[in-house]
Amino acid sequence: MSSIPKLAAVESKKKSWSDDRLVRDCVEGDQEAWSVLIDRYKNLIFSIPIKYGFTREDAADVFQSVCVDLLRELPRLREVKALPKWLIQISVHTCLRRRREQAVLGADDSHEMDTLADTGQALPEDRLHEVEQEQTLRNAVSKLPWRCQELVRMLFYESPTRPYAGIAAELGLAVGSIGFIRGRCLEKLRRTLAQAGFQ
């Protein structure tokens, strides 16, 4: 057996680990834990520059910068529960810094970002809540069984939405069972979101 399937199996197992366990293993130098932690929060980090109108290339630069900050600061993180909010704030500050650099170079005239920088406001409360809720939803979906994750992704995240026949074929299900399974998956998702305090 090659090392690649072994690594994939280890990483797959770690995807179900709590943030506490992942952070502990990351601090101890576990590369697979680091990969899983970044995978868990990549959409959260990347969503911030996208919401502020950065190009995908600039958003990727912001993402890399935040990951470097995370790697450097993770050993000093006192409260793991604060990790998502910390990542949001670091992402916003990185965006503000990058926007100021672009303004100095004459590459940007975004009024919203200038206003945020001038007032010292890290992130408007409604945007902060929106980003946190999106991450709560991503975390809840990731806790679903694999088939439910795939079903939710195909039904609600792909555009255009696939027809039931295509979903059934890919998941190896009968077309008539999709609606029933979707209902069960959404109920599991609702319960997970309720436990997480999703509003």
N, C-alpha and C. Protein backbone atom coordinates (compact mmCIF):
# COMPACT_ATOMS: atom_id res chain seq x y z
N MET A 1 0.86 -1.20 0.00
CA MET A 1 0.00 0.00 0.00
C MET A 1 0.89 1.24 0.00
N SER A 2 0.60 2.18 -0.89
CA SER A 2 1.44 3.37 -0.99
C SER A 2 1.13 4.33 0.15
N SER A 3 2.02 5.30 0.35
CA SER A 3 1.84 6.25 1.44
C SER A 3 0.72 7.24 1.16
N ILE A 4 0.39 7.49 -0.12
CA ILE A 4 -0.66 8.46 -0.46
C ILE A 4 -2.02 8.00 0.07
N PRO A 5 -2.48 6.75 -0.17
CA PRO A 5 -3.75 6.32 0.42
C PRO A 5 -3.73 6.36 1.94
N LYS A 6 -2.57 6.03 2.56
CA LYS A 6 -2.49 6.09 4.02
C LYS A 6 -2.69 7.52 4.51
N LEU A 7 -2.04 8.49 3.85
CA LEU A 7 -2.19 9.89 4.23
C LEU A 7 -3.64 10.34 4.05
N ALA A 8 -4.25 9.92 2.96
CA ALA A 8 -5.64 10.30 2.70
C ALA A 8 -6.56 9.74 3.79
N ALA A 9 -6.29 8.50 4.22
CA ALA A 9 -7.11 7.88 5.27
C ALA A 9 -6.95 8.62 6.59
N VAL A 10 -5.70 8.99 6.92
CA VAL A 10 -5.44 9.73 8.17
C VAL A 10 -6.12 11.09 8.12
N GLU A 11 -5.97 11.79 6.98
CA GLU A 11 -6.57 13.11 6.83
C GLU A 11 -8.08 13.02 6.91
N SER A 12 -8.66 11.99 6.30
CA SER A 12 -10.11 11.81 6.33
C SER A 12 -10.60 11.62 7.76
N LYS A 13 -9.87 10.85 8.55
CA LYS A 13 -10.24 10.63 9.95
C LYS A 13 -10.16 11.93 10.73
N LYS A 14 -9.13 12.71 10.46
CA LYS A 14 -8.94 13.96 11.21
C LYS A 14 -9.99 15.01 10.88
N LYS A 15 -10.67 14.88 9.75
CA LYS A 15 -11.71 15.84 9.39
C LYS A 15 -12.83 15.86 10.42
N SER A 16 -13.01 14.76 11.14
CA SER A 16 -14.07 14.71 12.15
C SER A 16 -13.59 15.21 13.51
N TRP A 17 -12.31 15.53 13.64
CA TRP A 17 -11.78 15.98 14.92
C TRP A 17 -12.27 17.38 15.26
N SER A 18 -12.33 17.66 16.56
CA SER A 18 -12.70 19.00 17.03
C SER A 18 -11.56 19.97 16.73
N ASP A 19 -11.90 21.25 16.75
CA ASP A 19 -10.87 22.27 16.57
C ASP A 19 -9.80 22.16 17.66
N ASP A 20 -10.22 21.85 18.89
CA ASP A 20 -9.27 21.72 19.99
C ASP A 20 -8.19 20.70 19.67
N ARG A 21 -8.62 19.54 19.20
CA ARG A 21 -7.66 18.48 18.90
C ARG A 21 -6.79 18.85 17.70
N LEU A 22 -7.41 19.42 16.67
CA LEU A 22 -6.63 19.82 15.50
C LEU A 22 -5.57 20.87 15.85
N VAL A 23 -5.98 21.87 16.62
CA VAL A 23 -5.04 22.94 17.00
C VAL A 23 -3.89 22.35 17.81
N ARG A 24 -4.21 21.48 18.76
CA ARG A 24 -3.15 20.86 19.56
C ARG A 24 -2.16 20.11 18.67
N ASP A 25 -2.68 19.33 17.73
CA ASP A 25 -1.79 18.58 16.85
C ASP A 25 -1.01 19.49 15.90
N CYS A 26 -1.65 20.58 15.45
CA CYS A 26 -0.94 21.54 14.60
C CYS A 26 0.24 22.15 15.35
N VAL A 27 0.01 22.54 16.59
CA VAL A 27 1.06 23.14 17.40
C VAL A 27 2.20 22.15 17.61
N GLU A 28 1.86 20.86 17.65
CA GLU A 28 2.89 19.82 17.81
C GLU A 28 3.56 19.46 16.49
N GLY A 29 3.17 20.12 15.41
CA GLY A 29 3.85 19.93 14.13
C GLY A 29 3.25 18.89 13.20
N ASP A 30 2.01 18.49 13.44
CA ASP A 30 1.34 17.48 12.61
C ASP A 30 0.87 18.13 11.30
N GLN A 31 1.50 17.77 10.19
CA GLN A 31 1.17 18.36 8.89
C GLN A 31 -0.24 18.01 8.41
N GLU A 32 -0.68 16.78 8.68
CA GLU A 32 -2.03 16.39 8.25
C GLU A 32 -3.09 17.19 9.01
N ALA A 33 -2.85 17.42 10.31
CA ALA A 33 -3.78 18.23 11.10
C ALA A 33 -3.83 19.65 10.56
N TRP A 34 -2.66 20.18 10.19
CA TRP A 34 -2.60 21.53 9.61
C TRP A 34 -3.41 21.59 8.32
N SER A 35 -3.26 20.58 7.48
CA SER A 35 -3.98 20.52 6.21
C SER A 35 -5.50 20.49 6.45
N VAL A 36 -5.93 19.71 7.43
CA VAL A 36 -7.37 19.61 7.74
C VAL A 36 -7.88 20.93 8.31
N LEU A 37 -7.09 21.57 9.19
CA LEU A 37 -7.51 22.85 9.78
C LEU A 37 -7.66 23.91 8.70
N ILE A 38 -6.71 23.99 7.79
CA ILE A 38 -6.80 24.97 6.70
C ILE A 38 -7.99 24.65 5.81
N ASP A 39 -8.20 23.37 5.51
CA ASP A 39 -9.34 22.98 4.68
C ASP A 39 -10.66 23.37 5.34
N ARG A 40 -10.73 23.24 6.66
CA ARG A 40 -11.95 23.57 7.40
C ARG A 40 -12.27 25.06 7.32
N TYR A 41 -11.24 25.89 7.32
CA TYR A 41 -11.46 27.34 7.39
C TYR A 41 -11.11 28.10 6.12
N LYS A 42 -10.75 27.40 5.05
CA LYS A 42 -10.34 28.10 3.83
C LYS A 42 -11.46 28.95 3.24
N ASN A 43 -12.69 28.44 3.25
CA ASN A 43 -13.80 29.21 2.68
C ASN A 43 -14.12 30.44 3.53
N LEU A 44 -13.99 30.31 4.84
CA LEU A 44 -14.21 31.46 5.71
C LEU A 44 -13.20 32.55 5.39
N ILE A 45 -11.92 32.19 5.35
CA ILE A 45 -10.86 33.17 5.10
C ILE A 45 -11.04 33.80 3.71
N PHE A 46 -11.27 32.96 2.72
CA PHE A 46 -11.36 33.44 1.34
C PHE A 46 -12.60 34.32 1.13
N SER A 47 -13.66 34.06 1.91
CA SER A 47 -14.90 34.82 1.71
C SER A 47 -14.77 36.29 2.06
N ILE A 48 -13.87 36.62 2.98
CA ILE A 48 -13.75 38.01 3.42
C ILE A 48 -13.28 38.92 2.29
N PRO A 49 -12.13 38.64 1.66
CA PRO A 49 -11.74 39.53 0.55
C PRO A 49 -12.72 39.52 -0.61
N ILE A 50 -13.38 38.40 -0.84
CA ILE A 50 -14.39 38.36 -1.92
C ILE A 50 -15.55 39.30 -1.58
N LYS A 51 -16.00 39.31 -0.31
CA LYS A 51 -17.09 40.20 0.09
C LYS A 51 -16.71 41.66 -0.09
N TYR A 52 -15.44 41.96 0.04
CA TYR A 52 -14.98 43.34 -0.12
C TYR A 52 -14.57 43.68 -1.54
N GLY A 53 -14.85 42.79 -2.47
CA GLY A 53 -14.66 43.12 -3.86
C GLY A 53 -13.26 42.90 -4.42
N PHE A 54 -12.42 42.17 -3.70
CA PHE A 54 -11.10 41.87 -4.23
C PHE A 54 -11.22 40.88 -5.39
N THR A 55 -10.26 40.94 -6.30
CA THR A 55 -10.20 39.94 -7.36
C THR A 55 -9.84 38.60 -6.72
N ARG A 56 -10.05 37.52 -7.45
CA ARG A 56 -9.70 36.20 -6.92
C ARG A 56 -8.19 36.11 -6.67
N GLU A 57 -7.41 36.76 -7.51
CA GLU A 57 -5.95 36.74 -7.32
C GLU A 57 -5.56 37.46 -6.03
N ASP A 58 -6.15 38.64 -5.81
CA ASP A 58 -5.86 39.37 -4.57
C ASP A 58 -6.41 38.62 -3.36
N ALA A 59 -7.57 38.00 -3.52
CA ALA A 59 -8.15 37.20 -2.43
C ALA A 59 -7.23 36.04 -2.07
N ALA A 60 -6.61 35.44 -3.08
CA ALA A 60 -5.67 34.35 -2.83
C ALA A 60 -4.45 34.86 -2.08
N ASP A 61 -3.99 36.07 -2.38
CA ASP A 61 -2.87 36.66 -1.64
C ASP A 61 -3.25 36.91 -0.19
N VAL A 62 -4.46 37.42 0.03
CA VAL A 62 -4.95 37.64 1.39
C VAL A 62 -5.00 36.30 2.13
N PHE A 63 -5.53 35.28 1.47
CA PHE A 63 -5.62 33.94 2.06
C PHE A 63 -4.24 33.45 2.51
N GLN A 64 -3.26 33.58 1.65
CA GLN A 64 -1.91 33.12 1.99
C GLN A 64 -1.35 33.90 3.18
N SER A 65 -1.57 35.18 3.20
CA SER A 65 -1.08 36.01 4.29
C SER A 65 -1.72 35.60 5.62
N VAL A 66 -3.03 35.35 5.59
CA VAL A 66 -3.74 34.94 6.81
C VAL A 66 -3.24 33.58 7.28
N CYS A 67 -2.98 32.67 6.35
CA CYS A 67 -2.46 31.35 6.72
C CYS A 67 -1.08 31.46 7.39
N VAL A 68 -0.25 32.36 6.88
CA VAL A 68 1.06 32.59 7.50
C VAL A 68 0.88 33.12 8.92
N ASP A 69 -0.04 34.09 9.09
CA ASP A 69 -0.33 34.62 10.43
C ASP A 69 -0.84 33.52 11.35
N LEU A 70 -1.71 32.68 10.82
CA LEU A 70 -2.26 31.58 11.62
C LEU A 70 -1.16 30.63 12.07
N LEU A 71 -0.29 30.27 11.16
CA LEU A 71 0.82 29.37 11.49
C LEU A 71 1.70 29.97 12.59
N ARG A 72 1.96 31.26 12.48
CA ARG A 72 2.83 31.94 13.44
C ARG A 72 2.15 32.11 14.80
N GLU A 73 0.85 32.44 14.80
CA GLU A 73 0.17 32.80 16.04
C GLU A 73 -0.56 31.64 16.72
N LEU A 74 -0.75 30.53 16.03
CA LEU A 74 -1.54 29.43 16.58
C LEU A 74 -1.05 28.96 17.95
N PRO A 75 0.26 28.86 18.20
CA PRO A 75 0.70 28.42 19.53
C PRO A 75 0.28 29.37 20.66
N ARG A 76 -0.02 30.63 20.31
CA ARG A 76 -0.41 31.61 21.33
C ARG A 76 -1.93 31.75 21.48
N LEU A 77 -2.69 30.98 20.70
CA LEU A 77 -4.15 31.06 20.77
C LEU A 77 -4.61 30.51 22.12
N ARG A 78 -5.24 31.36 22.93
CA ARG A 78 -5.66 30.94 24.27
C ARG A 78 -6.98 30.21 24.26
N GLU A 79 -7.90 30.64 23.41
CA GLU A 79 -9.25 30.07 23.40
C GLU A 79 -9.56 29.57 22.00
N VAL A 80 -9.56 28.26 21.82
CA VAL A 80 -9.78 27.69 20.49
C VAL A 80 -11.15 28.06 19.94
N LYS A 81 -12.14 28.21 20.82
CA LYS A 81 -13.48 28.60 20.36
C LYS A 81 -13.47 29.94 19.64
N ALA A 82 -12.46 30.76 19.94
CA ALA A 82 -12.36 32.08 19.31
C ALA A 82 -11.70 32.03 17.94
N LEU A 83 -11.25 30.85 17.50
CA LEU A 83 -10.52 30.76 16.23
C LEU A 83 -11.29 31.33 15.04
N PRO A 84 -12.56 30.98 14.83
CA PRO A 84 -13.26 31.56 13.66
C PRO A 84 -13.31 33.09 13.69
N LYS A 85 -13.63 33.68 14.85
CA LYS A 85 -13.69 35.14 14.94
C LYS A 85 -12.30 35.74 14.74
N TRP A 86 -11.28 35.09 15.28
CA TRP A 86 -9.92 35.57 15.11
C TRP A 86 -9.55 35.56 13.63
N LEU A 87 -9.89 34.48 12.93
CA LEU A 87 -9.59 34.39 11.50
C LEU A 87 -10.33 35.48 10.71
N ILE A 88 -11.56 35.76 11.10
CA ILE A 88 -12.32 36.83 10.44
C ILE A 88 -11.61 38.16 10.63
N GLN A 89 -11.24 38.46 11.87
CA GLN A 89 -10.60 39.75 12.16
C GLN A 89 -9.25 39.88 11.44
N ILE A 90 -8.46 38.82 11.47
CA ILE A 90 -7.16 38.86 10.78
C ILE A 90 -7.37 39.04 9.28
N SER A 91 -8.38 38.36 8.73
CA SER A 91 -8.67 38.49 7.29
C SER A 91 -9.08 39.92 6.95
N VAL A 92 -9.92 40.51 7.79
CA VAL A 92 -10.36 41.89 7.55
C VAL A 92 -9.18 42.85 7.64
N HIS A 93 -8.35 42.69 8.68
CA HIS A 93 -7.20 43.60 8.82
C HIS A 93 -6.25 43.44 7.64
N THR A 94 -6.09 42.23 7.17
CA THR A 94 -5.22 41.99 6.00
C THR A 94 -5.82 42.67 4.77
N CYS A 95 -7.15 42.58 4.62
CA CYS A 95 -7.82 43.26 3.50
C CYS A 95 -7.64 44.77 3.59
N LEU A 96 -7.82 45.32 4.78
CA LEU A 96 -7.67 46.77 4.95
C LEU A 96 -6.24 47.21 4.62
N ARG A 97 -5.28 46.44 5.09
CA ARG A 97 -3.88 46.77 4.82
C ARG A 97 -3.60 46.71 3.32
N ARG A 98 -4.10 45.66 2.69
CA ARG A 98 -3.88 45.50 1.25
C ARG A 98 -4.57 46.63 0.47
N ARG A 99 -5.78 47.01 0.90
CA ARG A 99 -6.50 48.09 0.22
C ARG A 99 -5.75 49.41 0.37
N ARG A 100 -5.18 49.65 1.56
CA ARG A 100 -4.40 50.88 1.74
C ARG A 100 -3.17 50.88 0.83
N GLU A 101 -2.52 49.71 0.72
CA GLU A 101 -1.35 49.60 -0.17
C GLU A 101 -1.76 49.88 -1.61
N GLN A 102 -2.92 49.35 -2.02
CA GLN A 102 -3.39 49.58 -3.39
C GLN A 102 -3.72 51.05 -3.61
N ALA A 103 -4.29 51.70 -2.58
CA ALA A 103 -4.63 53.12 -2.70
C ALA A 103 -3.37 53.96 -2.85
N VAL A 104 -2.31 53.62 -2.12
CA VAL A 104 -1.05 54.34 -2.21
C VAL A 104 -0.49 54.22 -3.63
N LEU A 105 -0.66 53.05 -4.22
CA LEU A 105 -0.17 52.82 -5.58
C LEU A 105 -1.14 53.34 -6.64
N GLY A 106 -2.29 53.88 -6.19
CA GLY A 106 -3.28 54.41 -7.12
C GLY A 106 -4.07 53.35 -7.83
N ALA A 107 -4.09 52.13 -7.26
CA ALA A 107 -4.75 51.01 -7.94
C ALA A 107 -6.17 50.80 -7.47
N ASP A 108 -6.63 51.60 -6.49
CA ASP A 108 -7.96 51.35 -5.95
C ASP A 108 -8.58 52.63 -5.42
N ASP A 109 -9.88 52.74 -5.56
CA ASP A 109 -10.58 53.90 -5.00
C ASP A 109 -11.84 53.45 -4.29
N SER A 110 -11.78 52.33 -3.61
CA SER A 110 -12.96 51.78 -2.94
C SER A 110 -13.34 52.64 -1.74
N HIS A 111 -14.49 53.28 -1.82
CA HIS A 111 -14.94 54.17 -0.74
C HIS A 111 -15.24 53.39 0.52
N GLU A 112 -15.86 52.23 0.38
CA GLU A 112 -16.23 51.45 1.57
C GLU A 112 -15.00 51.07 2.37
N MET A 113 -13.96 50.59 1.72
CA MET A 113 -12.76 50.18 2.43
C MET A 113 -12.06 51.39 3.05
N ASP A 114 -12.05 52.53 2.36
CA ASP A 114 -11.44 53.73 2.92
C ASP A 114 -12.19 54.15 4.18
N THR A 115 -13.51 54.09 4.13
CA THR A 115 -14.32 54.47 5.27
C THR A 115 -14.03 53.55 6.46
N LEU A 116 -13.96 52.24 6.21
CA LEU A 116 -13.67 51.30 7.28
C LEU A 116 -12.29 51.58 7.88
N ALA A 117 -11.33 51.86 7.03
CA ALA A 117 -9.97 52.12 7.52
C ALA A 117 -9.93 53.40 8.34
N ASP A 118 -10.65 54.44 7.89
CA ASP A 118 -10.64 55.72 8.59
C ASP A 118 -11.29 55.63 9.97
N THR A 119 -12.37 54.86 10.08
CA THR A 119 -13.08 54.78 11.35
C THR A 119 -12.46 53.75 12.28
N GLY A 120 -11.56 52.92 11.77
CA GLY A 120 -10.98 51.88 12.59
C GLY A 120 -11.92 50.70 12.80
N GLN A 121 -13.04 50.72 12.11
CA GLN A 121 -14.03 49.65 12.25
C GLN A 121 -13.51 48.40 11.55
N ALA A 122 -13.38 47.31 12.30
CA ALA A 122 -12.82 46.09 11.73
C ALA A 122 -13.78 45.45 10.74
N LEU A 123 -15.03 45.37 11.08
CA LEU A 123 -16.01 44.75 10.20
C LEU A 123 -17.39 45.15 10.69
N PRO A 124 -18.27 45.62 9.81
CA PRO A 124 -19.62 45.97 10.24
C PRO A 124 -20.29 44.76 10.91
N GLU A 125 -21.06 45.01 11.93
CA GLU A 125 -21.66 43.94 12.73
C GLU A 125 -22.50 42.98 11.89
N ASP A 126 -23.25 43.52 10.92
CA ASP A 126 -24.09 42.64 10.10
C ASP A 126 -23.23 41.73 9.22
N ARG A 127 -22.11 42.25 8.73
CA ARG A 127 -21.22 41.41 7.91
C ARG A 127 -20.53 40.36 8.77
N LEU A 128 -20.12 40.75 9.97
CA LEU A 128 -19.49 39.81 10.89
C LEU A 128 -20.44 38.66 11.18
N HIS A 129 -21.69 38.99 11.47
CA HIS A 129 -22.69 37.95 11.75
C HIS A 129 -22.90 37.05 10.53
N GLU A 130 -22.97 37.65 9.36
CA GLU A 130 -23.17 36.89 8.12
C GLU A 130 -22.02 35.90 7.88
N VAL A 131 -20.79 36.36 8.06
CA VAL A 131 -19.63 35.50 7.84
C VAL A 131 -19.59 34.38 8.87
N GLU A 132 -19.90 34.70 10.13
CA GLU A 132 -19.92 33.67 11.17
C GLU A 132 -20.99 32.62 10.88
N GLN A 133 -22.16 33.06 10.44
CA GLN A 133 -23.24 32.12 10.12
C GLN A 133 -22.87 31.22 8.95
N GLU A 134 -22.20 31.79 7.96
CA GLU A 134 -21.76 30.98 6.82
C GLU A 134 -20.80 29.89 7.28
N GLN A 135 -19.88 30.25 8.19
CA GLN A 135 -18.94 29.24 8.69
C GLN A 135 -19.64 28.19 9.53
N THR A 136 -20.61 28.60 10.32
CA THR A 136 -21.39 27.64 11.11
C THR A 136 -22.09 26.66 10.19
N LEU A 137 -22.63 27.15 9.09
CA LEU A 137 -23.29 26.28 8.11
C LEU A 137 -22.29 25.32 7.47
N ARG A 138 -21.13 25.83 7.07
CA ARG A 138 -20.10 24.95 6.49
C ARG A 138 -19.69 23.86 7.47
N ASN A 139 -19.49 24.24 8.74
CA ASN A 139 -19.11 23.24 9.75
C ASN A 139 -20.20 22.19 9.92
N ALA A 140 -21.46 22.63 9.93
CA ALA A 140 -22.57 21.69 10.11
C ALA A 140 -22.66 20.73 8.94
N VAL A 141 -22.50 21.23 7.72
CA VAL A 141 -22.54 20.36 6.54
C VAL A 141 -21.40 19.35 6.60
N SER A 142 -20.23 19.79 7.06
CA SER A 142 -19.07 18.88 7.11
C SER A 142 -19.26 17.76 8.13
N LYS A 143 -20.20 17.91 9.05
CA LYS A 143 -20.46 16.88 10.06
C LYS A 143 -21.49 15.86 9.60
N LEU A 144 -22.12 16.12 8.47
CA LEU A 144 -23.09 15.17 7.93
C LEU A 144 -22.38 13.94 7.38
N PRO A 145 -23.08 12.81 7.28
CA PRO A 145 -22.49 11.65 6.60
C PRO A 145 -22.12 12.04 5.16
N TRP A 146 -21.15 11.33 4.60
CA TRP A 146 -20.62 11.68 3.28
C TRP A 146 -21.73 11.83 2.24
N ARG A 147 -22.67 10.88 2.19
CA ARG A 147 -23.71 10.95 1.16
C ARG A 147 -24.56 12.20 1.33
N CYS A 148 -24.85 12.57 2.57
CA CYS A 148 -25.62 13.81 2.81
C CYS A 148 -24.82 15.04 2.39
N GLN A 149 -23.53 15.05 2.69
CA GLN A 149 -22.69 16.18 2.27
C GLN A 149 -22.75 16.35 0.76
N GLU A 150 -22.59 15.25 0.05
CA GLU A 150 -22.60 15.31 -1.41
C GLU A 150 -23.97 15.73 -1.93
N LEU A 151 -25.02 15.23 -1.33
CA LEU A 151 -26.38 15.58 -1.76
C LEU A 151 -26.63 17.07 -1.55
N VAL A 152 -26.26 17.58 -0.37
CA VAL A 152 -26.44 19.01 -0.09
C VAL A 152 -25.63 19.85 -1.08
N ARG A 153 -24.39 19.43 -1.33
CA ARG A 153 -23.54 20.17 -2.27
C ARG A 153 -24.18 20.21 -3.66
N MET A 154 -24.65 19.06 -4.14
CA MET A 154 -25.23 19.01 -5.49
C MET A 154 -26.54 19.77 -5.59
N LEU A 155 -27.35 19.72 -4.53
CA LEU A 155 -28.66 20.37 -4.59
C LEU A 155 -28.61 21.88 -4.33
N PHE A 156 -27.70 22.31 -3.45
CA PHE A 156 -27.76 23.69 -3.00
C PHE A 156 -26.53 24.54 -3.32
N TYR A 157 -25.41 23.90 -3.67
CA TYR A 157 -24.19 24.68 -3.90
C TYR A 157 -23.79 24.75 -5.37
N GLU A 158 -24.30 23.86 -6.17
CA GLU A 158 -23.94 23.87 -7.59
C GLU A 158 -24.93 24.73 -8.37
N SER A 159 -24.41 25.39 -9.37
CA SER A 159 -25.26 26.20 -10.23
C SER A 159 -24.86 25.95 -11.68
N PRO A 160 -25.80 25.53 -12.51
CA PRO A 160 -27.19 25.24 -12.20
C PRO A 160 -27.32 23.93 -11.41
N THR A 161 -28.43 23.81 -10.70
CA THR A 161 -28.68 22.61 -9.91
C THR A 161 -28.85 21.41 -10.84
N ARG A 162 -28.27 20.30 -10.46
CA ARG A 162 -28.39 19.09 -11.27
C ARG A 162 -29.79 18.50 -11.16
N PRO A 163 -30.25 17.83 -12.20
CA PRO A 163 -31.52 17.12 -12.10
C PRO A 163 -31.34 15.90 -11.19
N TYR A 164 -32.43 15.45 -10.61
CA TYR A 164 -32.39 14.31 -9.70
C TYR A 164 -31.76 13.08 -10.35
N ALA A 165 -32.00 12.89 -11.64
CA ALA A 165 -31.47 11.71 -12.32
C ALA A 165 -29.94 11.72 -12.29
N GLY A 166 -29.32 12.88 -12.50
CA GLY A 166 -27.87 12.99 -12.46
C GLY A 166 -27.31 12.77 -11.06
N ILE A 167 -28.02 13.31 -10.07
CA ILE A 167 -27.59 13.12 -8.67
C ILE A 167 -27.68 11.65 -8.29
N ALA A 168 -28.81 11.03 -8.66
CA ALA A 168 -29.02 9.61 -8.33
C ALA A 168 -27.93 8.75 -8.96
N ALA A 169 -27.60 9.04 -10.21
CA ALA A 169 -26.58 8.25 -10.90
C ALA A 169 -25.22 8.39 -10.22
N GLU A 170 -24.86 9.61 -9.84
CA GLU A 170 -23.55 9.81 -9.21
C GLU A 170 -23.47 9.19 -7.83
N LEU A 171 -24.57 9.23 -7.08
CA LEU A 171 -24.54 8.70 -5.72
C LEU A 171 -24.98 7.23 -5.64
N GLY A 172 -25.35 6.66 -6.77
CA GLY A 172 -25.77 5.26 -6.77
C GLY A 172 -27.10 5.04 -6.07
N LEU A 173 -28.04 5.95 -6.27
CA LEU A 173 -29.35 5.89 -5.61
C LEU A 173 -30.45 5.79 -6.66
N ALA A 174 -31.61 5.36 -6.22
CA ALA A 174 -32.78 5.39 -7.08
C ALA A 174 -33.29 6.83 -7.15
N VAL A 175 -33.73 7.25 -8.32
CA VAL A 175 -34.21 8.63 -8.48
C VAL A 175 -35.33 8.94 -7.49
N GLY A 176 -36.23 7.98 -7.28
CA GLY A 176 -37.36 8.21 -6.37
C GLY A 176 -36.97 8.35 -4.91
N SER A 177 -35.75 7.97 -4.56
CA SER A 177 -35.34 8.06 -3.15
C SER A 177 -34.68 9.39 -2.80
N ILE A 178 -34.38 10.21 -3.81
CA ILE A 178 -33.66 11.46 -3.56
C ILE A 178 -34.43 12.39 -2.63
N GLY A 179 -35.70 12.56 -2.87
CA GLY A 179 -36.51 13.46 -2.03
C GLY A 179 -36.53 13.01 -0.58
N PHE A 180 -36.72 11.72 -0.36
CA PHE A 180 -36.75 11.18 1.00
C PHE A 180 -35.40 11.36 1.69
N ILE A 181 -34.33 11.01 0.99
CA ILE A 181 -32.99 11.13 1.57
C ILE A 181 -32.66 12.60 1.82
N ARG A 182 -33.03 13.47 0.89
CA ARG A 182 -32.82 14.90 1.09
C ARG A 182 -33.50 15.37 2.37
N GLY A 183 -34.72 14.94 2.60
CA GLY A 183 -35.45 15.32 3.81
C GLY A 183 -34.72 14.87 5.07
N ARG A 184 -34.23 13.63 5.06
CA ARG A 184 -33.49 13.11 6.23
C ARG A 184 -32.19 13.89 6.44
N CYS A 185 -31.50 14.18 5.35
CA CYS A 185 -30.23 14.93 5.45
C CYS A 185 -30.48 16.34 5.98
N LEU A 186 -31.51 16.99 5.48
CA LEU A 186 -31.80 18.35 5.94
C LEU A 186 -32.23 18.37 7.40
N GLU A 187 -32.91 17.32 7.83
CA GLU A 187 -33.29 17.23 9.25
C GLU A 187 -32.05 17.09 10.12
N LYS A 188 -31.10 16.26 9.68
CA LYS A 188 -29.83 16.13 10.42
C LYS A 188 -29.10 17.47 10.44
N LEU A 189 -29.13 18.16 9.32
CA LEU A 189 -28.47 19.46 9.24
C LEU A 189 -29.14 20.46 10.18
N ARG A 190 -30.47 20.46 10.22
CA ARG A 190 -31.20 21.37 11.12
C ARG A 190 -30.83 21.11 12.58
N ARG A 191 -30.74 19.83 12.96
CA ARG A 191 -30.39 19.49 14.34
C ARG A 191 -28.97 19.96 14.67
N THR A 192 -28.05 19.74 13.75
CA THR A 192 -26.66 20.17 13.98
C THR A 192 -26.57 21.68 14.09
N LEU A 193 -27.30 22.38 13.23
CA LEU A 193 -27.30 23.86 13.28
C LEU A 193 -27.92 24.36 14.58
N ALA A 194 -28.99 23.71 15.03
CA ALA A 194 -29.63 24.12 16.30
C ALA A 194 -28.67 23.95 17.46
N GLN A 195 -27.92 22.85 17.46
CA GLN A 195 -26.94 22.63 18.53
C GLN A 195 -25.84 23.69 18.50
N ALA A 196 -25.53 24.17 17.31
CA ALA A 196 -24.48 25.19 17.16
C ALA A 196 -25.00 26.60 17.42
N GLY A 197 -26.31 26.74 17.67
CA GLY A 197 -26.87 28.06 17.94
C GLY A 197 -27.08 28.90 16.69
N PHE A 198 -27.25 28.24 15.54
CA PHE A 198 -27.45 28.94 14.27
C PHE A 198 -28.80 29.64 14.30
N GLN A 199 -28.80 30.92 13.88
CA GLN A 199 -30.06 31.70 13.88
C GLN A 199 -30.30 32.29 12.51
